[in-house]
C-alpha cells in the first residue's frame, strides 16, 4: 500500500505533466530532455497506458527498447507524446511499419503482437484512455488524503485535452 507521501508525490507529478501537455511540446526537438522514439505502439498494462518503442538518444537509457512512463497525451499530428516523466518526439508508429508489410491488415498489433505483460491497443482505445486520465487522477485524489489537490485536477479537466487538433481516429 502506498503511503500518503507517495500518493501525493505521484499526484503532483501528474499535475505537472498535465500542465506541460497543456502548454504544448518543446519548441526544440533536439532539447536534451526530449527522447526520440521510433516504431512505437500504444499498450496497456492493467489500466496504465504507455508507449512501447525503440528510442534514440534517451536522456537516461540511450538507444534501446523502452516502455515509457504512463502516457497522458499524443499530439494530433502524432509527432509528440507526453508521459508522466517527459516529452518524446515520435517517428513512425509500428502500425505504419506493419501496414507496409501487411497492407490490408488494420490494428494488427492489437491482435497478434502482445506478450503476457501488456497488450498493444489501437489509437482509438489509447485516445479514450488519455482523455479520461485527469478524471481518474482526480478520483484518486478524492479517495485519498490528498483532497486538497482536487481543485488542480478540476482545472486541468476543464481544459483537457490539449487543443492541438483531433486525433486521426476522431476525424
N, C-alpha and C. Protein backbone atom coordinates (compact mmCIF):
# COMPACT_ATOMS: atom_id res chain seq x y z
N UNK A 1 0.85 -1.18 0.00
CA UNK A 1 0.00 0.00 0.00
C UNK A 1 0.89 1.24 0.00
N UNK A 2 0.55 2.18 -0.86
CA UNK A 2 1.33 3.41 -0.98
C UNK A 2 1.06 4.32 0.21
N UNK A 3 2.11 4.96 0.67
CA UNK A 3 1.96 5.91 1.78
C UNK A 3 1.31 7.19 1.25
N UNK A 4 0.82 8.00 2.18
CA UNK A 4 0.22 9.28 1.81
C UNK A 4 1.24 10.13 1.04
N UNK A 5 2.48 10.10 1.49
CA UNK A 5 3.53 10.88 0.83
C UNK A 5 3.75 10.39 -0.61
N UNK A 6 3.74 9.10 -0.84
CA UNK A 6 3.91 8.55 -2.19
C UNK A 6 2.75 8.94 -3.10
N UNK A 7 1.53 8.85 -2.57
CA UNK A 7 0.35 9.22 -3.36
C UNK A 7 0.41 10.69 -3.71
N UNK A 8 0.74 11.54 -2.76
CA UNK A 8 0.83 12.98 -3.00
C UNK A 8 1.91 13.27 -4.05
N UNK A 9 3.06 12.62 -3.94
CA UNK A 9 4.14 12.83 -4.90
C UNK A 9 3.69 12.42 -6.30
N UNK A 10 3.02 11.28 -6.41
CA UNK A 10 2.52 10.80 -7.71
C UNK A 10 1.50 11.76 -8.29
N UNK A 11 0.55 12.19 -7.49
CA UNK A 11 -0.48 13.11 -7.97
C UNK A 11 0.14 14.44 -8.41
N UNK A 12 1.10 14.93 -7.68
CA UNK A 12 1.76 16.18 -8.07
C UNK A 12 2.54 16.01 -9.37
N UNK A 13 3.14 14.84 -9.58
CA UNK A 13 3.82 14.58 -10.86
C UNK A 13 2.81 14.62 -12.01
N UNK A 14 1.62 14.07 -11.79
CA UNK A 14 0.59 14.11 -12.83
C UNK A 14 0.16 15.55 -13.10
N UNK A 15 -0.03 16.34 -12.06
CA UNK A 15 -0.42 17.73 -12.25
C UNK A 15 0.63 18.46 -13.09
N UNK A 16 1.90 18.27 -12.76
CA UNK A 16 2.99 18.89 -13.51
C UNK A 16 2.97 18.43 -14.97
N UNK A 17 2.76 17.14 -15.18
CA UNK A 17 2.76 16.59 -16.54
C UNK A 17 1.56 17.05 -17.36
N UNK A 18 0.38 17.09 -16.74
CA UNK A 18 -0.80 17.60 -17.45
C UNK A 18 -0.58 19.05 -17.86
N UNK A 19 -0.03 19.85 -16.96
CA UNK A 19 0.22 21.25 -17.29
C UNK A 19 1.25 21.39 -18.41
N UNK A 20 2.25 20.52 -18.42
CA UNK A 20 3.23 20.54 -19.51
C UNK A 20 2.56 20.18 -20.84
N UNK A 21 1.66 19.22 -20.81
CA UNK A 21 0.94 18.85 -22.04
C UNK A 21 0.06 20.00 -22.51
N UNK A 22 -0.61 20.67 -21.57
CA UNK A 22 -1.45 21.81 -21.94
C UNK A 22 -0.63 22.97 -22.51
N UNK A 23 0.60 23.12 -22.05
CA UNK A 23 1.48 24.19 -22.55
C UNK A 23 2.03 23.86 -23.93
N UNK A 24 2.03 22.59 -24.30
CA UNK A 24 2.49 22.19 -25.61
C UNK A 24 3.90 21.62 -25.60
N UNK A 25 4.25 20.93 -26.68
CA UNK A 25 5.57 20.29 -26.74
C UNK A 25 6.70 21.30 -26.81
N UNK A 26 7.91 20.85 -26.53
CA UNK A 26 9.06 21.75 -26.61
C UNK A 26 9.21 22.32 -28.02
N UNK A 27 9.75 23.51 -28.12
CA UNK A 27 9.95 24.11 -29.43
C UNK A 27 11.18 23.52 -30.13
N UNK A 28 12.08 22.93 -29.35
CA UNK A 28 13.31 22.37 -29.90
C UNK A 28 13.31 20.85 -29.76
N UNK A 29 13.11 20.11 -30.87
CA UNK A 29 13.10 18.65 -30.76
C UNK A 29 14.46 18.09 -30.37
N UNK A 30 15.51 18.91 -30.42
CA UNK A 30 16.84 18.45 -30.01
C UNK A 30 17.14 18.78 -28.55
N UNK A 31 16.15 19.28 -27.83
CA UNK A 31 16.29 19.55 -26.40
C UNK A 31 16.83 18.29 -25.72
N UNK A 32 17.86 18.42 -24.89
CA UNK A 32 18.45 17.22 -24.27
C UNK A 32 17.50 16.46 -23.34
N UNK A 33 16.41 17.09 -22.93
CA UNK A 33 15.44 16.40 -22.08
C UNK A 33 14.42 15.60 -22.89
N UNK A 34 14.44 15.75 -24.21
CA UNK A 34 13.49 15.06 -25.08
C UNK A 34 14.11 13.75 -25.57
N UNK A 35 13.36 12.68 -25.46
CA UNK A 35 13.80 11.39 -26.01
C UNK A 35 13.13 11.23 -27.37
N UNK A 36 13.82 10.60 -28.28
CA UNK A 36 13.31 10.40 -29.64
C UNK A 36 13.02 8.91 -29.81
N UNK A 37 11.76 8.61 -30.21
CA UNK A 37 11.40 7.20 -30.35
C UNK A 37 10.85 6.91 -31.73
N UNK A 38 11.04 5.66 -32.14
CA UNK A 38 10.58 5.21 -33.44
C UNK A 38 9.94 3.85 -33.29
N UNK A 39 9.15 3.48 -34.29
CA UNK A 39 8.44 2.20 -34.27
C UNK A 39 7.75 1.99 -32.93
N UNK A 40 6.87 2.92 -32.61
CA UNK A 40 6.18 2.92 -31.33
C UNK A 40 4.76 2.39 -31.47
N UNK A 41 4.25 1.91 -30.35
CA UNK A 41 2.87 1.44 -30.28
C UNK A 41 2.31 1.79 -28.91
N UNK A 42 1.01 2.04 -28.83
CA UNK A 42 0.37 2.27 -27.55
C UNK A 42 0.03 0.90 -26.96
N UNK A 43 0.20 0.79 -25.65
CA UNK A 43 0.00 -0.50 -25.00
C UNK A 43 -0.58 -0.28 -23.60
N UNK A 44 -1.21 -1.30 -23.09
CA UNK A 44 -1.80 -1.27 -21.75
C UNK A 44 -1.16 -2.34 -20.87
N UNK A 45 -0.91 -1.97 -19.63
CA UNK A 45 -0.63 -2.92 -18.56
C UNK A 45 -1.69 -2.59 -17.52
N UNK A 46 -2.63 -3.49 -17.32
CA UNK A 46 -3.76 -3.17 -16.46
C UNK A 46 -4.50 -2.00 -17.05
N UNK A 47 -4.64 -0.91 -16.30
CA UNK A 47 -5.30 0.29 -16.81
C UNK A 47 -4.30 1.39 -17.16
N UNK A 48 -3.01 1.07 -17.16
CA UNK A 48 -1.98 2.07 -17.45
C UNK A 48 -1.59 2.03 -18.92
N UNK A 49 -1.75 3.17 -19.58
CA UNK A 49 -1.39 3.32 -20.98
C UNK A 49 0.04 3.82 -21.06
N UNK A 50 0.82 3.26 -21.99
CA UNK A 50 2.18 3.71 -22.18
C UNK A 50 2.58 3.46 -23.62
N UNK A 51 3.79 3.90 -23.99
CA UNK A 51 4.34 3.63 -25.31
C UNK A 51 5.41 2.56 -25.18
N UNK A 52 5.39 1.65 -26.12
CA UNK A 52 6.45 0.67 -26.25
C UNK A 52 7.16 1.03 -27.54
N UNK A 53 8.49 1.12 -27.52
CA UNK A 53 9.16 1.60 -28.71
C UNK A 53 10.66 1.39 -28.63
N UNK A 54 11.31 1.80 -29.71
CA UNK A 54 12.76 1.93 -29.75
C UNK A 54 13.07 3.40 -29.56
N UNK A 55 14.09 3.69 -28.78
CA UNK A 55 14.45 5.08 -28.54
C UNK A 55 15.85 5.38 -29.06
N UNK A 56 15.98 6.59 -29.52
CA UNK A 56 17.28 7.15 -29.92
C UNK A 56 17.57 8.28 -28.94
N UNK A 57 18.69 8.26 -28.32
CA UNK A 57 19.10 9.40 -27.51
C UNK A 57 18.25 9.65 -26.29
N UNK A 58 17.77 8.61 -25.63
CA UNK A 58 17.03 8.81 -24.38
C UNK A 58 18.00 9.41 -23.37
N UNK A 59 17.58 10.45 -22.64
CA UNK A 59 18.50 11.12 -21.70
C UNK A 59 19.11 10.18 -20.65
N UNK A 60 18.45 9.08 -20.35
CA UNK A 60 18.98 8.15 -19.35
C UNK A 60 19.45 6.84 -19.99
N UNK A 61 18.69 6.29 -20.93
CA UNK A 61 18.94 4.95 -21.43
C UNK A 61 19.66 4.88 -22.77
N UNK A 62 19.82 6.00 -23.47
CA UNK A 62 20.48 5.97 -24.78
C UNK A 62 19.60 5.31 -25.83
N UNK A 63 20.18 4.42 -26.66
CA UNK A 63 19.43 3.71 -27.69
C UNK A 63 19.06 2.33 -27.17
N UNK A 64 17.77 2.10 -27.04
CA UNK A 64 17.30 0.83 -26.51
C UNK A 64 15.80 0.71 -26.72
N UNK A 65 15.26 -0.46 -26.45
CA UNK A 65 13.81 -0.65 -26.44
C UNK A 65 13.31 -0.15 -25.09
N UNK A 66 12.23 0.63 -25.11
CA UNK A 66 11.72 1.18 -23.86
C UNK A 66 10.22 1.00 -23.74
N UNK A 67 9.76 1.06 -22.51
CA UNK A 67 8.36 1.21 -22.16
C UNK A 67 8.33 2.49 -21.36
N UNK A 68 7.59 3.45 -21.83
CA UNK A 68 7.58 4.76 -21.18
C UNK A 68 6.84 4.72 -19.86
N UNK A 69 6.92 5.82 -19.14
CA UNK A 69 6.03 6.01 -18.01
C UNK A 69 4.62 6.21 -18.59
N UNK A 70 3.64 6.38 -17.73
CA UNK A 70 2.25 6.47 -18.18
C UNK A 70 2.08 7.56 -19.23
N UNK A 71 1.45 7.19 -20.33
CA UNK A 71 1.17 8.11 -21.44
C UNK A 71 -0.07 8.91 -21.12
N UNK A 72 0.05 10.25 -21.25
CA UNK A 72 -1.11 11.09 -20.97
C UNK A 72 -1.60 11.86 -22.20
N UNK A 73 -0.73 12.02 -23.23
CA UNK A 73 -1.16 12.78 -24.41
C UNK A 73 -0.26 12.49 -25.60
N UNK A 74 -0.87 12.37 -26.77
CA UNK A 74 -0.16 12.34 -28.04
C UNK A 74 -0.75 13.46 -28.87
N UNK A 75 0.10 14.29 -29.46
CA UNK A 75 -0.41 15.39 -30.28
C UNK A 75 -1.13 14.82 -31.50
N UNK A 76 -2.06 15.59 -32.00
CA UNK A 76 -2.90 15.13 -33.12
C UNK A 76 -2.09 14.79 -34.36
N UNK A 77 -0.96 15.45 -34.56
CA UNK A 77 -0.13 15.15 -35.73
C UNK A 77 0.78 13.93 -35.50
N UNK A 78 0.66 13.32 -34.34
CA UNK A 78 1.43 12.13 -33.95
C UNK A 78 2.94 12.38 -33.99
N UNK A 79 3.34 13.62 -33.69
CA UNK A 79 4.77 13.98 -33.67
C UNK A 79 5.34 14.04 -32.26
N UNK A 80 4.49 14.21 -31.26
CA UNK A 80 4.93 14.35 -29.88
C UNK A 80 4.05 13.53 -28.95
N UNK A 81 4.66 12.98 -27.90
CA UNK A 81 3.92 12.29 -26.86
C UNK A 81 4.38 12.82 -25.51
N UNK A 82 3.43 12.99 -24.61
CA UNK A 82 3.76 13.41 -23.25
C UNK A 82 3.44 12.25 -22.31
N UNK A 83 4.42 11.87 -21.52
CA UNK A 83 4.21 10.88 -20.47
C UNK A 83 4.31 11.60 -19.13
N UNK A 84 4.15 10.88 -18.06
CA UNK A 84 4.27 11.48 -16.74
C UNK A 84 5.69 12.04 -16.55
N UNK A 85 6.68 11.42 -17.15
CA UNK A 85 8.06 11.83 -16.92
C UNK A 85 8.64 12.83 -17.91
N UNK A 86 8.22 12.78 -19.19
CA UNK A 86 8.90 13.62 -20.17
C UNK A 86 8.13 13.68 -21.48
N UNK A 87 8.64 14.56 -22.37
CA UNK A 87 8.18 14.62 -23.75
C UNK A 87 9.01 13.64 -24.58
N UNK A 88 8.37 13.06 -25.59
CA UNK A 88 9.04 12.22 -26.59
C UNK A 88 8.71 12.77 -27.96
N UNK A 89 9.71 12.89 -28.83
CA UNK A 89 9.42 13.18 -30.23
C UNK A 89 9.21 11.82 -30.90
N UNK A 90 8.17 11.75 -31.72
CA UNK A 90 7.75 10.47 -32.31
C UNK A 90 8.13 10.39 -33.78
N UNK A 91 8.67 9.26 -34.15
CA UNK A 91 8.91 8.94 -35.55
C UNK A 91 7.74 8.05 -35.99
N UNK A 92 7.98 7.16 -36.89
CA UNK A 92 6.94 6.32 -37.47
C UNK A 92 6.37 5.33 -36.44
N UNK A 93 5.03 5.25 -36.34
CA UNK A 93 4.43 4.25 -35.44
C UNK A 93 4.62 2.84 -36.00
N UNK A 94 4.62 1.88 -35.11
CA UNK A 94 4.77 0.48 -35.50
C UNK A 94 3.67 0.07 -36.48
N UNK A 95 2.46 0.59 -36.32
CA UNK A 95 1.35 0.21 -37.19
C UNK A 95 1.65 0.55 -38.65
N UNK A 96 2.36 1.66 -38.91
CA UNK A 96 2.72 2.00 -40.30
C UNK A 96 3.69 0.98 -40.86
N UNK A 97 4.61 0.52 -40.04
CA UNK A 97 5.57 -0.50 -40.47
C UNK A 97 4.82 -1.79 -40.78
N UNK A 98 3.88 -2.18 -39.92
CA UNK A 98 3.11 -3.40 -40.13
C UNK A 98 2.24 -3.28 -41.37
N UNK A 99 1.58 -2.12 -41.54
CA UNK A 99 0.72 -1.93 -42.71
C UNK A 99 1.52 -1.97 -44.00
N UNK A 100 2.81 -1.57 -43.94
CA UNK A 100 3.66 -1.68 -45.11
C UNK A 100 3.93 -3.12 -45.50
N UNK A 101 3.98 -4.00 -44.50
CA UNK A 101 4.22 -5.42 -44.76
C UNK A 101 2.90 -6.13 -45.05
N UNK A 102 1.85 -5.77 -44.30
CA UNK A 102 0.54 -6.38 -44.46
C UNK A 102 -0.48 -5.28 -44.76
N UNK A 103 -0.54 -4.76 -46.00
CA UNK A 103 -1.34 -3.56 -46.29
C UNK A 103 -2.83 -3.69 -46.01
N UNK A 104 -3.41 -4.88 -46.04
CA UNK A 104 -4.85 -4.99 -45.83
C UNK A 104 -5.21 -5.25 -44.37
N UNK A 105 -4.24 -5.22 -43.48
CA UNK A 105 -4.49 -5.53 -42.08
C UNK A 105 -4.59 -4.27 -41.26
N UNK A 106 -5.69 -4.13 -40.51
CA UNK A 106 -5.85 -2.99 -39.62
C UNK A 106 -5.71 -3.46 -38.18
N UNK A 107 -5.06 -2.64 -37.37
CA UNK A 107 -4.87 -2.92 -35.95
C UNK A 107 -4.25 -4.29 -35.71
N UNK A 108 -3.36 -4.68 -36.60
CA UNK A 108 -2.73 -5.99 -36.47
C UNK A 108 -2.01 -6.13 -35.15
N UNK A 109 -1.36 -5.03 -34.70
CA UNK A 109 -0.60 -5.14 -33.47
C UNK A 109 -1.48 -5.48 -32.28
N UNK A 110 -2.73 -5.05 -32.27
CA UNK A 110 -3.62 -5.36 -31.16
C UNK A 110 -3.98 -6.83 -31.15
N UNK A 111 -3.95 -7.47 -32.32
CA UNK A 111 -4.36 -8.86 -32.42
C UNK A 111 -3.22 -9.86 -32.22
N UNK A 112 -2.05 -9.57 -32.79
CA UNK A 112 -1.02 -10.60 -32.76
C UNK A 112 0.27 -10.22 -32.05
N UNK A 113 0.49 -8.96 -31.77
CA UNK A 113 1.75 -8.56 -31.17
C UNK A 113 1.56 -8.21 -29.70
N UNK A 114 1.34 -9.20 -28.90
CA UNK A 114 1.19 -8.95 -27.48
C UNK A 114 2.09 -9.90 -26.71
N UNK A 115 2.30 -9.61 -25.46
CA UNK A 115 3.01 -10.53 -24.60
C UNK A 115 2.24 -10.61 -23.30
N UNK A 116 2.60 -11.52 -22.41
CA UNK A 116 1.80 -11.70 -21.18
C UNK A 116 1.75 -10.47 -20.27
N UNK A 117 2.72 -9.56 -20.41
CA UNK A 117 2.77 -8.40 -19.52
C UNK A 117 1.93 -7.23 -20.00
N UNK A 118 1.74 -7.11 -21.30
CA UNK A 118 0.98 -5.98 -21.82
C UNK A 118 0.33 -6.37 -23.13
N UNK A 119 -0.60 -5.53 -23.55
CA UNK A 119 -1.25 -5.73 -24.84
C UNK A 119 -1.22 -4.41 -25.59
N UNK A 120 -0.83 -4.47 -26.84
CA UNK A 120 -0.86 -3.27 -27.67
C UNK A 120 -2.31 -2.98 -28.04
N UNK A 121 -2.62 -1.69 -28.09
CA UNK A 121 -4.00 -1.28 -28.36
C UNK A 121 -4.02 -0.28 -29.51
N UNK A 122 -5.12 -0.27 -30.28
CA UNK A 122 -5.23 0.72 -31.36
C UNK A 122 -5.39 2.13 -30.80
N UNK A 123 -5.11 3.10 -31.65
CA UNK A 123 -5.15 4.51 -31.23
C UNK A 123 -6.52 4.89 -30.67
N UNK A 124 -7.60 4.32 -31.19
CA UNK A 124 -8.93 4.68 -30.68
C UNK A 124 -9.05 4.37 -29.19
N UNK A 125 -8.49 3.26 -28.76
CA UNK A 125 -8.53 2.88 -27.34
C UNK A 125 -7.61 3.81 -26.54
N UNK A 126 -6.43 4.09 -27.09
CA UNK A 126 -5.49 4.98 -26.42
C UNK A 126 -6.08 6.36 -26.22
N UNK A 127 -6.77 6.88 -27.23
CA UNK A 127 -7.38 8.22 -27.13
C UNK A 127 -8.37 8.27 -25.97
N UNK A 128 -9.21 7.26 -25.86
CA UNK A 128 -10.18 7.24 -24.75
C UNK A 128 -9.46 7.24 -23.40
N UNK A 129 -8.40 6.45 -23.29
CA UNK A 129 -7.65 6.38 -22.02
C UNK A 129 -6.99 7.71 -21.71
N UNK A 130 -6.39 8.35 -22.72
CA UNK A 130 -5.73 9.64 -22.49
C UNK A 130 -6.74 10.72 -22.10
N UNK A 131 -7.91 10.71 -22.75
CA UNK A 131 -8.94 11.71 -22.44
C UNK A 131 -9.43 11.60 -21.00
N UNK A 132 -9.45 10.37 -20.46
CA UNK A 132 -10.00 10.15 -19.13
C UNK A 132 -8.96 10.25 -18.02
N UNK A 133 -7.71 10.39 -18.35
CA UNK A 133 -6.64 10.36 -17.35
C UNK A 133 -6.78 11.43 -16.26
N UNK A 134 -7.05 12.71 -16.59
CA UNK A 134 -7.21 13.69 -15.50
C UNK A 134 -8.36 13.34 -14.55
N UNK A 135 -9.45 12.82 -15.10
CA UNK A 135 -10.60 12.41 -14.29
C UNK A 135 -10.20 11.29 -13.33
N UNK A 136 -9.44 10.33 -13.82
CA UNK A 136 -9.00 9.23 -12.95
C UNK A 136 -8.10 9.72 -11.84
N UNK A 137 -7.23 10.67 -12.13
CA UNK A 137 -6.33 11.20 -11.11
C UNK A 137 -7.11 12.02 -10.08
N UNK A 138 -8.14 12.74 -10.53
CA UNK A 138 -8.99 13.49 -9.59
C UNK A 138 -9.69 12.51 -8.64
N UNK A 139 -10.17 11.40 -9.19
CA UNK A 139 -10.83 10.39 -8.35
C UNK A 139 -9.85 9.77 -7.36
N UNK A 140 -8.62 9.56 -7.80
CA UNK A 140 -7.60 9.04 -6.88
C UNK A 140 -7.36 10.04 -5.75
N UNK A 141 -7.28 11.32 -6.08
CA UNK A 141 -7.10 12.34 -5.04
C UNK A 141 -8.30 12.35 -4.09
N UNK A 142 -9.51 12.22 -4.65
CA UNK A 142 -10.72 12.25 -3.82
C UNK A 142 -10.78 11.06 -2.87
N UNK A 143 -10.24 9.93 -3.29
CA UNK A 143 -10.28 8.73 -2.45
C UNK A 143 -9.08 8.60 -1.53
N UNK A 144 -8.24 9.63 -1.49
CA UNK A 144 -7.04 9.58 -0.66
C UNK A 144 -7.06 10.74 0.33
N UNK A 145 -5.96 10.91 1.01
CA UNK A 145 -5.85 12.04 1.94
C UNK A 145 -5.38 13.30 1.22
N UNK A 146 -5.38 13.28 -0.11
CA UNK A 146 -4.90 14.42 -0.91
C UNK A 146 -6.05 15.20 -1.53
N UNK A 147 -7.14 15.32 -0.80
CA UNK A 147 -8.33 16.01 -1.32
C UNK A 147 -8.04 17.47 -1.69
N UNK A 148 -7.00 18.05 -1.10
CA UNK A 148 -6.64 19.43 -1.42
C UNK A 148 -6.15 19.58 -2.86
N UNK A 149 -5.81 18.47 -3.53
CA UNK A 149 -5.36 18.51 -4.92
C UNK A 149 -6.52 18.43 -5.92
N UNK A 150 -7.72 18.15 -5.44
CA UNK A 150 -8.88 18.01 -6.33
C UNK A 150 -9.09 19.27 -7.18
N UNK A 151 -9.02 20.49 -6.64
CA UNK A 151 -9.22 21.67 -7.49
C UNK A 151 -8.22 21.76 -8.66
N UNK A 152 -6.99 21.36 -8.43
CA UNK A 152 -6.00 21.39 -9.52
C UNK A 152 -6.42 20.43 -10.63
N UNK A 153 -6.90 19.25 -10.27
CA UNK A 153 -7.35 18.30 -11.30
C UNK A 153 -8.63 18.78 -11.98
N UNK A 154 -9.51 19.44 -11.25
CA UNK A 154 -10.72 20.00 -11.86
C UNK A 154 -10.35 21.08 -12.88
N UNK A 155 -9.37 21.91 -12.56
CA UNK A 155 -8.92 22.94 -13.50
C UNK A 155 -8.35 22.29 -14.76
N UNK A 156 -7.57 21.25 -14.58
CA UNK A 156 -6.98 20.55 -15.73
C UNK A 156 -8.08 19.92 -16.57
N UNK A 157 -9.03 19.25 -15.91
CA UNK A 157 -10.15 18.61 -16.64
C UNK A 157 -10.91 19.62 -17.49
N UNK A 158 -11.06 20.83 -17.00
CA UNK A 158 -11.80 21.86 -17.74
C UNK A 158 -11.09 22.26 -19.03
N UNK A 159 -9.79 22.06 -19.08
CA UNK A 159 -9.01 22.44 -20.27
C UNK A 159 -8.56 21.22 -21.10
N UNK A 160 -8.85 20.03 -20.61
CA UNK A 160 -8.33 18.80 -21.22
C UNK A 160 -9.26 18.31 -22.31
N UNK A 161 -8.77 17.80 -23.41
CA UNK A 161 -7.37 17.57 -23.75
C UNK A 161 -6.75 18.83 -24.34
N UNK A 162 -5.43 18.85 -24.46
CA UNK A 162 -4.77 20.00 -25.08
C UNK A 162 -5.37 20.29 -26.45
N UNK A 163 -5.44 21.55 -26.81
CA UNK A 163 -6.07 21.94 -28.07
C UNK A 163 -5.07 21.96 -29.21
N UNK A 164 -4.72 20.79 -29.69
CA UNK A 164 -3.80 20.71 -30.83
C UNK A 164 -4.45 19.95 -31.98
N UNK A 165 -5.76 19.94 -32.01
CA UNK A 165 -6.47 19.28 -33.10
C UNK A 165 -7.02 17.92 -32.69
N UNK A 166 -7.71 17.30 -33.62
CA UNK A 166 -8.31 15.99 -33.36
C UNK A 166 -7.34 14.89 -33.71
N UNK A 167 -7.41 13.82 -32.95
CA UNK A 167 -6.63 12.64 -33.29
C UNK A 167 -7.17 12.06 -34.59
N UNK A 168 -6.34 11.35 -35.34
CA UNK A 168 -6.83 10.76 -36.59
C UNK A 168 -8.08 9.91 -36.42
N UNK A 169 -8.20 9.21 -35.30
CA UNK A 169 -9.35 8.36 -35.06
C UNK A 169 -10.63 9.15 -34.78
N UNK A 170 -10.52 10.47 -34.56
CA UNK A 170 -11.68 11.29 -34.25
C UNK A 170 -12.17 12.12 -35.45
N UNK A 171 -11.46 12.07 -36.55
CA UNK A 171 -11.85 12.85 -37.72
C UNK A 171 -13.07 12.25 -38.39
